[in-house]
Amino acid sequence: MSKEYDYCKIVQDLLPSYIEKVTDEETNKFVEEHINICDKCKKMYNDLLHSFEDNEKTKIKKEVKYMKKYKNKMTVLKTILLTILAVVIIYIGRNMIIIGSLQSKANKYTDMTNYHIEWYSYEPDGIGITEIYMQDDEYLQKNGDYNIEEGFSGNITYANKVTGSRVYFLDVKAYGETEEYIEPWMNMEAINYINTQNDILRFIWMSITARISTVECNGRECYKIDDLGVTTYVDKETGLTVRVLNVSATVTEDRKESSVFDIFYEVNTVTDEDLEEPDKSEFEKVDFSYDPS
């Protein structure tokens, strides 16, 4: 085997590393001196160099194509995320505006001293009723149940901040008196079901979780607010509640049923005639104690 063939074999083995520039300076000098005098190795070098350059170009093209695809995907993803974020911000912002506006309107009725409220509770075992007539420092409130055949049964409270209170028990035809002023169970603040005043966390949480739409309920144009199992219908004009659907209302410890509350109200309509007490002669007076605590 000739020396020339041996040199060619060595150089040809080194050419890929030489082209990729991973050989040292002394090896580079040896390879360059040989290909300058050996046409065969020089041709192989040129062929390998062109092949390497083509491979590099192909590789670069693939990388550029991949980067373009990646960039396009990222652009689409960013657009989708920004669109979702914008929709969420608009959704929450709209809810904040609506809830804030309703609360502001409802606050105007908190200190009302002349109003009439009817509150109906439709439970699985019957209809509960609370009705109140309020005028300044006195009120008449009815609590009980309504049956089509028997009518209203329950009790009637008549209270005056000066003279005290009297409670009439309709079922047993008895009444009791107390010098204490019994606070009414129902008032204008009690029918502000979305009350978020002084509770910023509730306001934010409701704005995030609630689904709000426009409907008509009990003859009023309302916002229907669905929030975690409770649907509240709120009068757009007053900010006060006219209906509540509670699908998680507890009836017994091991059973849950939906419950419905309907609320009707009017302001500045109560007169002295509405506050007339029942005829005491029809009731027997009994001892009656009242603990305001």
C-alpha atoms as a PDB file:
ATOM      1  CA  MET A   1       0.000   0.000   0.000  1.00  0.00           C
ATOM      2  CA  SER A   2       1.504   3.326  -1.066  1.00  0.00           C
ATOM      3  CA  LYS A   3       2.134   6.254   1.206  1.00  0.00           C
ATOM      4  CA  GLU A   4       0.001   8.517  -1.008  1.00  0.00           C
ATOM      5  CA  TYR A   5      -2.973   6.231  -0.527  1.00  0.00           C
ATOM      6  CA  ASP A   6      -2.446   6.241   3.194  1.00  0.00           C
ATOM      7  CA  TYR A   7      -2.386  10.069   3.288  1.00  0.00           C
ATOM      8  CA  CYS A   8      -5.528  10.252   1.199  1.00  0.00           C
ATOM      9  CA  LYS A   9      -7.292   7.852   3.533  1.00  0.00           C
ATOM     10  CA  ILE A  10      -6.289   9.897   6.559  1.00  0.00           C
ATOM     11  CA  VAL A  11      -7.332  13.186   4.954  1.00  0.00           C
ATOM     12  CA  GLN A  12     -10.652  11.780   3.742  1.00  0.00           C
ATOM     13  CA  ASP A  13     -11.434  10.626   7.274  1.00  0.00           C
ATOM     14  CA  LEU A  14     -10.606  14.095   8.577  1.00  0.00           C
ATOM     15  CA  LEU A  15     -12.529  16.087   5.960  1.00  0.00           C
ATOM     16  CA  PRO A  16     -15.972  16.036   7.712  1.00  0.00           C
ATOM     17  CA  SER A  17     -14.409  17.272  10.941  1.00  0.00           C
ATOM     18  CA  TYR A  18     -12.318  19.811   9.048  1.00  0.00           C
ATOM     19  CA  ILE A  19     -15.383  21.209   7.247  1.00  0.00           C
ATOM     20  CA  GLU A  20     -17.280  21.453  10.533  1.00  0.00           C
ATOM     21  CA  LYS A  21     -14.233  23.265  12.001  1.00  0.00           C
ATOM     22  CA  VAL A  22     -13.716  20.952  14.929  1.00  0.00           C
ATOM     23  CA  THR A  23     -10.086  20.044  14.109  1.00  0.00           C
ATOM     24  CA  ASP A  24      -7.076  21.787  15.633  1.00  0.00           C
ATOM     25  CA  GLU A  25      -4.703  24.130  13.835  1.00  0.00           C
ATOM     26  CA  GLU A  26      -2.017  21.539  13.113  1.00  0.00           C
ATOM     27  CA  THR A  27      -4.544  19.122  11.600  1.00  0.00           C
ATOM     28  CA  ASN A  28      -6.044  21.929   9.522  1.00  0.00           C
ATOM     29  CA  LYS A  29      -2.595  22.713   8.094  1.00  0.00           C
ATOM     30  CA  PHE A  30      -2.027  19.036   7.246  1.00  0.00           C
ATOM     31  CA  VAL A  31      -5.389  18.716   5.461  1.00  0.00           C
ATOM     32  CA  GLU A  32      -4.990  21.981   3.528  1.00  0.00           C
ATOM     33  CA  GLU A  33      -1.482  21.080   2.326  1.00  0.00           C
ATOM     34  CA  HIS A  34      -2.736  17.712   1.096  1.00  0.00           C
ATOM     35  CA  ILE A  35      -5.850  18.887  -0.766  1.00  0.00           C
ATOM     36  CA  ASN A  36      -3.723  21.520  -2.520  1.00  0.00           C
ATOM     37  CA  ILE A  37      -1.650  18.773  -4.156  1.00  0.00           C
ATOM     38  CA  CYS A  38      -4.248  15.971  -4.391  1.00  0.00           C
ATOM     39  CA  ASP A  39      -7.024  16.477  -6.926  1.00  0.00           C
ATOM     40  CA  LYS A  40      -8.948  13.448  -5.692  1.00  0.00           C
ATOM     41  CA  CYS A  41      -9.100  14.653  -2.104  1.00  0.00           C
ATOM     42  CA  LYS A  42      -9.735  18.222  -3.232  1.00  0.00           C
ATOM     43  CA  LYS A  43     -12.751  17.050  -5.253  1.00  0.00           C
ATOM     44  CA  MET A  44     -14.038  15.074  -2.284  1.00  0.00           C
ATOM     45  CA  TYR A  45     -13.541  18.157  -0.108  1.00  0.00           C
ATOM     46  CA  ASN A  46     -15.517  20.343  -2.524  1.00  0.00           C
ATOM     47  CA  ASP A  47     -18.291  17.739  -2.785  1.00  0.00           C
ATOM     48  CA  LEU A  48     -18.492  17.407   1.000  1.00  0.00           C
ATOM     49  CA  LEU A  49     -18.379  21.176   1.425  1.00  0.00           C
ATOM     50  CA  HIS A  50     -21.257  21.701  -0.998  1.00  0.00           C
ATOM     51  CA  SER A  51     -23.227  18.893   0.634  1.00  0.00           C
ATOM     52  CA  PHE A  52     -22.593  20.402   4.064  1.00  0.00           C
ATOM     53  CA  GLU A  53     -23.633  23.859   2.856  1.00  0.00           C
ATOM     54  CA  ASP A  54     -26.808  22.392   1.312  1.00  0.00           C
ATOM     55  CA  ASN A  55     -27.550  20.564   4.525  1.00  0.00           C
ATOM     56  CA  GLU A  56     -26.976  23.733   6.502  1.00  0.00           C
ATOM     57  CA  LYS A  57     -29.264  25.689   4.204  1.00  0.00           C
ATOM     58  CA  THR A  58     -31.935  22.999   4.476  1.00  0.00           C
ATOM     59  CA  LYS A  59     -31.515  22.951   8.231  1.00  0.00           C
ATOM     60  CA  ILE A  60     -31.761  26.729   8.409  1.00  0.00           C
ATOM     61  CA  LYS A  61     -34.841  26.697   6.200  1.00  0.00           C
ATOM     62  CA  LYS A  62     -36.454  24.096   8.434  1.00  0.00           C
ATOM     63  CA  GLU A  63     -35.587  26.113  11.515  1.00  0.00           C
ATOM     64  CA  VAL A  64     -36.954  29.297   9.936  1.00  0.00           C
ATOM     65  CA  LYS A  65     -40.118  27.476   8.878  1.00  0.00           C
ATOM     66  CA  TYR A  66     -40.515  26.022  12.374  1.00  0.00           C
ATOM     67  CA  MET A  67     -39.969  29.434  13.979  1.00  0.00           C
ATOM     68  CA  LYS A  68     -42.554  30.977  11.668  1.00  0.00           C
ATOM     69  CA  LYS A  69     -45.071  28.279  12.579  1.00  0.00           C
ATOM     70  CA  TYR A  70     -44.230  28.682  16.258  1.00  0.00           C
ATOM     71  CA  LYS A  71     -44.565  32.452  15.995  1.00  0.00           C
ATOM     72  CA  ASN A  72     -47.895  32.125  14.172  1.00  0.00           C
ATOM     73  CA  LYS A  73     -49.189  29.695  16.812  1.00  0.00           C
ATOM     74  CA  MET A  74     -48.069  31.996  19.597  1.00  0.00           C
ATOM     75  CA  THR A  75     -49.742  34.946  17.854  1.00  0.00           C
ATOM     76  CA  VAL A  76     -53.013  32.995  17.561  1.00  0.00           C
ATOM     77  CA  LEU A  77     -52.729  31.853  21.195  1.00  0.00           C
ATOM     78  CA  LYS A  78     -52.042  35.396  22.404  1.00  0.00           C
ATOM     79  CA  THR A  79     -54.990  36.677  20.367  1.00  0.00           C
ATOM     80  CA  ILE A  80     -57.278  34.027  21.870  1.00  0.00           C
ATOM     81  CA  LEU A  81     -56.054  34.746  25.410  1.00  0.00           C
ATOM     82  CA  LEU A  82     -56.386  38.508  24.954  1.00  0.00           C
ATOM     83  CA  THR A  83     -59.889  38.047  23.517  1.00  0.00           C
ATOM     84  CA  ILE A  84     -60.899  35.851  26.465  1.00  0.00           C
ATOM     85  CA  LEU A  85     -59.363  38.357  28.893  1.00  0.00           C
ATOM     86  CA  ALA A  86     -61.196  41.229  27.216  1.00  0.00           C
ATOM     87  CA  VAL A  87     -64.499  39.330  27.343  1.00  0.00           C
ATOM     88  CA  VAL A  88     -63.955  38.499  31.036  1.00  0.00           C
ATOM     89  CA  ILE A  89     -63.079  42.119  31.860  1.00  0.00           C
ATOM     90  CA  ILE A  90     -66.136  43.393  29.968  1.00  0.00           C
ATOM     91  CA  TYR A  91     -68.326  40.731  31.646  1.00  0.00           C
ATOM     92  CA  ILE A  92     -67.108  41.540  35.159  1.00  0.00           C
ATOM     93  CA  GLY A  93     -67.138  45.289  34.469  1.00  0.00           C
ATOM     94  CA  ARG A  94     -70.744  45.112  33.252  1.00  0.00           C
ATOM     95  CA  ASN A  95     -71.758  43.159  36.359  1.00  0.00           C
ATOM     96  CA  MET A  96     -69.998  45.664  38.614  1.00  0.00           C
ATOM     97  CA  ILE A  97     -71.817  48.564  36.975  1.00  0.00           C
ATOM     98  CA  ILE A  98     -75.226  46.839  37.222  1.00  0.00           C
ATOM     99  CA  ILE A  99     -74.809  45.632  40.818  1.00  0.00           C
ATOM    100  CA  GLY A 100     -73.362  48.959  41.953  1.00  0.00           C
ATOM    101  CA  SER A 101     -76.220  50.851  40.315  1.00  0.00           C
ATOM    102  CA  LEU A 102     -78.860  48.580  41.870  1.00  0.00           C
ATOM    103  CA  GLN A 103     -77.295  48.930  45.303  1.00  0.00           C
ATOM    104  CA  SER A 104     -77.208  52.709  44.971  1.00  0.00           C
ATOM    105  CA  LYS A 105     -80.911  52.759  44.031  1.00  0.00           C
ATOM    106  CA  ALA A 106     -81.885  50.371  46.866  1.00  0.00           C
ATOM    107  CA  ASN A 107     -80.073  52.550  49.412  1.00  0.00           C
ATOM    108  CA  LYS A 108     -82.571  55.341  48.741  1.00  0.00           C
ATOM    109  CA  TYR A 109     -85.350  53.194  50.224  1.00  0.00           C
ATOM    110  CA  THR A 110     -83.538  52.103  53.396  1.00  0.00           C
ATOM    111  CA  ASP A 111     -84.844  54.975  55.534  1.00  0.00           C
ATOM    112  CA  MET A 112     -88.373  54.953  54.122  1.00  0.00           C
ATOM    113  CA  THR A 113     -91.035  55.308  56.858  1.00  0.00           C
ATOM    114  CA  ASN A 114     -94.150  54.766  54.766  1.00  0.00           C
ATOM    115  CA  TYR A 115     -94.409  51.521  52.816  1.00  0.00           C
ATOM    116  CA  HIS A 116     -96.454  48.378  52.272  1.00  0.00           C
ATOM    117  CA  ILE A 117     -94.745  45.012  51.672  1.00  0.00           C
ATOM    118  CA  GLU A 118     -96.224  41.607  50.893  1.00  0.00           C
ATOM    119  CA  TRP A 119     -93.853  38.653  51.093  1.00  0.00           C
ATOM    120  CA  TYR A 120     -94.954  35.174  49.930  1.00  0.00           C
ATOM    121  CA  SER A 121     -92.950  32.011  50.525  1.00  0.00           C
ATOM    122  CA  TYR A 122     -93.904  28.981  48.437  1.00  0.00           C
ATOM    123  CA  GLU A 123     -92.549  26.001  50.315  1.00  0.00           C
ATOM    124  CA  PRO A 124     -93.298  22.297  49.710  1.00  0.00           C
ATOM    125  CA  ASP A 125     -95.671  22.248  52.703  1.00  0.00           C
ATOM    126  CA  GLY A 126     -97.610  25.433  51.975  1.00  0.00           C
ATOM    127  CA  ILE A 127     -97.584  29.187  51.425  1.00  0.00           C
ATOM    128  CA  GLY A 128     -96.166  31.491  54.062  1.00  0.00           C
ATOM    129  CA  ILE A 129     -97.187  35.140  54.157  1.00  0.00           C
ATOM    130  CA  THR A 130     -95.747  38.241  55.769  1.00  0.00           C
ATOM    131  CA  GLU A 131     -97.445  41.558  55.176  1.00  0.00           C
ATOM    132  CA  ILE A 132     -96.528  44.860  56.743  1.00  0.00           C
ATOM    133  CA  TYR A 133     -97.992  48.357  56.709  1.00  0.00           C
ATOM    134  CA  MET A 134     -95.501  50.904  58.016  1.00  0.00           C
ATOM    135  CA  GLN A 135     -96.254  54.556  58.714  1.00  0.00           C
ATOM    136  CA  ASP A 136     -93.742  56.661  60.634  1.00  0.00           C
ATOM    137  CA  ASP A 137     -93.534  55.305  64.233  1.00  0.00           C
ATOM    138  CA  GLU A 138     -96.131  52.551  63.976  1.00  0.00           C
ATOM    139  CA  TYR A 139     -96.813  49.489  61.904  1.00  0.00           C
ATOM    140  CA  LEU A 140     -99.121  46.520  61.492  1.00  0.00           C
ATOM    141  CA  GLN A 141     -97.540  43.217  60.487  1.00  0.00           C
ATOM    142  CA  LYS A 142     -99.208  39.909  59.633  1.00  0.00           C
ATOM    143  CA  ASN A 143     -97.300  36.608  59.788  1.00  0.00           C
ATOM    144  CA  GLY A 144     -98.760  33.226  58.983  1.00  0.00           C
ATOM    145  CA  ASP A 145    -100.025  30.835  56.337  1.00  0.00           C
ATOM    146  CA  TYR A 146    -102.747  31.049  53.759  1.00  0.00           C
ATOM    147  CA  ASN A 147    -105.155  28.241  52.925  1.00  0.00           C
ATOM    148  CA  ILE A 148    -107.804  28.608  50.219  1.00  0.00           C
ATOM    149  CA  GLU A 149    -110.526  27.108  52.427  1.00  0.00           C
ATOM    150  CA  GLU A 150    -109.490  28.470  55.825  1.00  0.00           C
ATOM    151  CA  GLY A 151    -107.965  31.771  54.727  1.00  0.00           C
ATOM    152  CA  PHE A 152    -105.171  33.470  56.661  1.00  0.00           C
ATOM    153  CA  SER A 153    -104.023  31.995  59.981  1.00  0.00           C
ATOM    154  CA  GLY A 154    -101.186  33.190  62.129  1.00  0.00           C
ATOM    155  CA  ASN A 155    -100.677  36.363  64.114  1.00  0.00           C
ATOM    156  CA  ILE A 156    -100.933  40.106  63.717  1.00  0.00           C
ATOM    157  CA  THR A 157     -98.553  42.492  65.438  1.00  0.00           C
ATOM    158  CA  TYR A 158     -99.516  46.103  65.975  1.00  0.00           C
ATOM    159  CA  ALA A 159     -96.653  48.203  67.334  1.00  0.00           C
ATOM    160  CA  ASN A 160     -96.241  51.860  68.218  1.00  0.00           C
ATOM    161  CA  LYS A 161     -92.964  53.339  69.470  1.00  0.00           C
ATOM    162  CA  VAL A 162     -94.878  55.361  72.079  1.00  0.00           C
ATOM    163  CA  THR A 163     -97.595  52.986  73.331  1.00  0.00           C
ATOM    164  CA  GLY A 164     -95.852  49.630  72.861  1.00  0.00           C
ATOM    165  CA  SER A 165     -97.015  46.513  71.043  1.00  0.00           C
ATOM    166  CA  ARG A 166     -99.946  44.115  70.861  1.00  0.00           C
ATOM    167  CA  VAL A 167     -99.853  40.672  69.276  1.00  0.00           C
ATOM    168  CA  TYR A 168    -103.094  39.011  68.122  1.00  0.00           C
ATOM    169  CA  PHE A 169    -102.989  35.215  67.786  1.00  0.00           C
ATOM    170  CA  LEU A 170    -105.648  34.372  65.231  1.00  0.00           C
ATOM    171  CA  ASP A 171    -105.669  30.598  65.704  1.00  0.00           C
ATOM    172  CA  VAL A 172    -106.589  30.749  69.394  1.00  0.00           C
ATOM    173  CA  LYS A 173    -108.389  34.111  69.365  1.00  0.00           C
ATOM    174  CA  ALA A 174    -106.118  35.648  72.012  1.00  0.00           C
ATOM    175  CA  TYR A 175    -103.940  38.728  72.295  1.00  0.00           C
ATOM    176  CA  GLY A 176    -101.171  39.980  74.549  1.00  0.00           C
ATOM    177  CA  GLU A 177     -99.682  43.379  75.259  1.00  0.00           C
ATOM    178  CA  THR A 178     -96.229  44.678  76.038  1.00  0.00           C
ATOM    179  CA  GLU A 179     -94.785  48.110  76.618  1.00  0.00           C
ATOM    180  CA  GLU A 180     -91.847  47.168  74.443  1.00  0.00           C
ATOM    181  CA  TYR A 181     -91.750  48.183  70.807  1.00  0.00           C
ATOM    182  CA  ILE A 182     -91.368  44.989  68.790  1.00  0.00           C
ATOM    183  CA  GLU A 183     -89.167  45.641  65.788  1.00  0.00           C
ATOM    184  CA  PRO A 184     -90.803  44.558  62.517  1.00  0.00           C
ATOM    185  CA  TRP A 185     -89.450  41.441  60.887  1.00  0.00           C
ATOM    186  CA  MET A 186     -89.936  42.860  57.409  1.00  0.00           C
ATOM    187  CA  ASN A 187     -88.707  46.250  56.166  1.00  0.00           C
ATOM    188  CA  MET A 188     -87.319  47.863  53.045  1.00  0.00           C
ATOM    189  CA  GLU A 189     -83.754  46.871  53.877  1.00  0.00           C
ATOM    190  CA  ALA A 190     -84.808  43.216  54.206  1.00  0.00           C
ATOM    191  CA  ILE A 191     -85.866  43.073  50.541  1.00  0.00           C
ATOM    192  CA  ASN A 192     -82.485  44.291  49.344  1.00  0.00           C
ATOM    193  CA  TYR A 193     -81.227  40.748  48.712  1.00  0.00           C
ATOM    194  CA  ILE A 194     -78.132  41.764  46.754  1.00  0.00           C
ATOM    195  CA  ASN A 195     -76.927  43.924  49.627  1.00  0.00           C
ATOM    196  CA  THR A 196     -73.217  44.511  49.005  1.00  0.00           C
ATOM    197  CA  GLN A 197     -72.939  47.773  50.914  1.00  0.00           C
ATOM    198  CA  ASN A 198     -69.799  47.858  53.077  1.00  0.00           C
ATOM    199  CA  ASP A 199     -68.840  44.409  51.780  1.00  0.00           C
ATOM    200  CA  ILE A 200     -66.360  44.867  48.946  1.00  0.00           C
ATOM    201  CA  LEU A 201     -65.468  41.158  48.837  1.00  0.00           C
ATOM    202  CA  ARG A 202     -69.110  40.165  48.293  1.00  0.00           C
ATOM    203  CA  PHE A 203     -69.424  42.864  45.638  1.00  0.00           C
ATOM    204  CA  ILE A 204     -66.349  41.565  43.761  1.00  0.00           C
ATOM    205  CA  TRP A 205     -67.334  37.905  44.179  1.00  0.00           C
ATOM    206  CA  MET A 206     -70.871  38.523  42.907  1.00  0.00           C
ATOM    207  CA  SER A 207     -69.531  40.533  39.976  1.00  0.00           C
ATOM    208  CA  ILE A 208     -67.320  37.588  39.000  1.00  0.00           C
ATOM    209  CA  THR A 209     -69.740  34.698  39.558  1.00  0.00           C
ATOM    210  CA  ALA A 210     -73.178  36.145  38.724  1.00  0.00           C
ATOM    211  CA  ARG A 211     -74.937  35.782  35.377  1.00  0.00           C
ATOM    212  CA  ILE A 212     -77.162  38.793  34.746  1.00  0.00           C
ATOM    213  CA  SER A 213     -79.924  39.085  32.159  1.00  0.00           C
ATOM    214  CA  THR A 214     -83.019  41.241  31.647  1.00  0.00           C
ATOM    215  CA  VAL A 215     -86.508  39.791  32.230  1.00  0.00           C
ATOM    216  CA  GLU A 216     -89.975  40.848  33.373  1.00  0.00           C
ATOM    217  CA  CYS A 217     -91.145  39.622  36.776  1.00  0.00           C
ATOM    218  CA  ASN A 218     -94.217  40.475  38.853  1.00  0.00           C
ATOM    219  CA  GLY A 219     -95.093  43.234  36.417  1.00  0.00           C
ATOM    220  CA  ARG A 220     -91.694  44.936  36.674  1.00  0.00           C
ATOM    221  CA  GLU A 221     -88.698  45.109  34.373  1.00  0.00           C
ATOM    222  CA  CYS A 222     -85.968  43.322  36.288  1.00  0.00           C
ATOM    223  CA  TYR A 223     -82.430  42.050  36.233  1.00  0.00           C
ATOM    224  CA  LYS A 224     -82.301  38.287  36.700  1.00  0.00           C
ATOM    225  CA  ILE A 225     -79.186  37.566  38.753  1.00  0.00           C
ATOM    226  CA  ASP A 226     -78.084  33.912  38.878  1.00  0.00           C
ATOM    227  CA  ASP A 227     -75.445  33.442  41.535  1.00  0.00           C
ATOM    228  CA  LEU A 228     -74.382  30.051  42.918  1.00  0.00           C
ATOM    229  CA  GLY A 229     -77.767  28.373  43.163  1.00  0.00           C
ATOM    230  CA  VAL A 230     -79.744  31.496  44.012  1.00  0.00           C
ATOM    231  CA  THR A 231     -81.668  33.425  41.362  1.00  0.00           C
ATOM    232  CA  THR A 232     -82.726  36.932  42.345  1.00  0.00           C
ATOM    233  CA  TYR A 233     -85.064  39.139  40.321  1.00  0.00           C
ATOM    234  CA  VAL A 234     -84.287  42.779  41.062  1.00  0.00           C
ATOM    235  CA  ASP A 235     -86.386  45.738  39.961  1.00  0.00           C
ATOM    236  CA  LYS A 236     -84.288  47.862  37.594  1.00  0.00           C
ATOM    237  CA  GLU A 237     -85.976  51.034  38.771  1.00  0.00           C
ATOM    238  CA  THR A 238     -85.678  50.582  42.554  1.00  0.00           C
ATOM    239  CA  GLY A 239     -82.873  48.041  43.060  1.00  0.00           C
ATOM    240  CA  LEU A 240     -85.203  46.055  45.350  1.00  0.00           C
ATOM    241  CA  THR A 241     -85.957  42.346  45.048  1.00  0.00           C
ATOM    242  CA  VAL A 242     -89.270  41.085  43.663  1.00  0.00           C
ATOM    243  CA  ARG A 243     -88.543  37.339  43.522  1.00  0.00           C
ATOM    244  CA  VAL A 244     -85.986  34.863  44.864  1.00  0.00           C
ATOM    245  CA  LEU A 245     -85.448  31.272  43.705  1.00  0.00           C
ATOM    246  CA  ASN A 246     -83.227  29.295  46.053  1.00  0.00           C
ATOM    247  CA  VAL A 247     -82.467  25.823  44.730  1.00  0.00           C
ATOM    248  CA  SER A 248     -80.383  24.919  47.789  1.00  0.00           C
ATOM    249  CA  ALA A 249     -82.820  25.942  50.513  1.00  0.00           C
ATOM    250  CA  THR A 250     -82.672  23.416  53.346  1.00  0.00           C
ATOM    251  CA  VAL A 251     -86.031  21.874  54.224  1.00  0.00           C
ATOM    252  CA  THR A 252     -84.754  19.071  56.449  1.00  0.00           C
ATOM    253  CA  GLU A 253     -81.315  17.970  57.523  1.00  0.00           C
ATOM    254  CA  ASP A 254     -81.147  15.252  54.886  1.00  0.00           C
ATOM    255  CA  ARG A 255     -83.270  16.751  52.093  1.00  0.00           C
ATOM    256  CA  LYS A 256     -83.121  19.928  50.094  1.00  0.00           C
ATOM    257  CA  GLU A 257     -85.827  21.529  47.998  1.00  0.00           C
ATOM    258  CA  SER A 258     -86.101  24.669  45.959  1.00  0.00           C
ATOM    259  CA  SER A 259     -87.959  27.587  47.511  1.00  0.00           C
ATOM    260  CA  VAL A 260     -89.585  30.613  45.930  1.00  0.00           C
ATOM    261  CA  PHE A 261     -90.171  34.038  47.469  1.00  0.00           C
ATOM    262  CA  ASP A 262     -92.392  36.618  45.778  1.00  0.00           C
ATOM    263  CA  ILE A 263     -92.234  40.176  47.054  1.00  0.00           C
ATOM    264  CA  PHE A 264     -94.629  43.041  46.299  1.00  0.00           C
ATOM    265  CA  TYR A 265     -94.104  46.537  47.661  1.00  0.00           C
ATOM    266  CA  GLU A 266     -95.232  50.120  47.321  1.00  0.00           C
ATOM    267  CA  VAL A 267     -94.112  53.291  49.060  1.00  0.00           C
ATOM    268  CA  ASN A 268     -95.932  56.346  50.419  1.00  0.00           C
ATOM    269  CA  THR A 269     -99.336  54.654  50.122  1.00  0.00           C
ATOM    270  CA  VAL A 270    -100.074  53.618  53.741  1.00  0.00           C
ATOM    271  CA  THR A 271    -102.848  55.512  55.569  1.00  0.00           C
ATOM    272  CA  ASP A 272    -104.331  55.352  59.077  1.00  0.00           C
ATOM    273  CA  GLU A 273    -107.024  52.995  57.816  1.00  0.00           C
ATOM    274  CA  ASP A 274    -104.393  50.401  56.913  1.00  0.00           C
ATOM    275  CA  LEU A 275    -103.161  50.415  60.527  1.00  0.00           C
ATOM    276  CA  GLU A 276    -106.495  49.665  62.183  1.00  0.00           C
ATOM    277  CA  GLU A 277    -106.185  46.963  64.828  1.00  0.00           C
ATOM    278  CA  PRO A 278    -108.487  43.936  65.012  1.00  0.00           C
ATOM    279  CA  ASP A 279    -111.524  44.234  67.249  1.00  0.00           C
ATOM    280  CA  LYS A 280    -110.236  43.337  70.733  1.00  0.00           C
ATOM    281  CA  SER A 281    -113.682  42.102  71.788  1.00  0.00           C
ATOM    282  CA  GLU A 282    -113.156  39.090  69.559  1.00  0.00           C
ATOM    283  CA  PHE A 283    -109.956  38.086  71.360  1.00  0.00           C
ATOM    284  CA  GLU A 284    -109.184  36.915  74.869  1.00  0.00           C
ATOM    285  CA  LYS A 285    -106.416  38.803  76.644  1.00  0.00           C
ATOM    286  CA  VAL A 286    -103.552  36.595  77.841  1.00  0.00           C
ATOM    287  CA  ASP A 287    -100.270  37.177  79.620  1.00  0.00           C
ATOM    288  CA  PHE A 288     -97.652  38.014  77.075  1.00  0.00           C
ATOM    289  CA  SER A 289     -93.942  38.536  77.604  1.00  0.00           C
ATOM    290  CA  TYR A 290     -91.516  39.804  75.029  1.00  0.00           C
ATOM    291  CA  ASP A 291     -87.741  39.585  75.183  1.00  0.00           C
ATOM    292  CA  PRO A 292     -86.245  42.072  72.689  1.00  0.00           C
ATOM    293  CA  SER A 293     -82.907  40.266  72.865  1.00  0.00           C
END
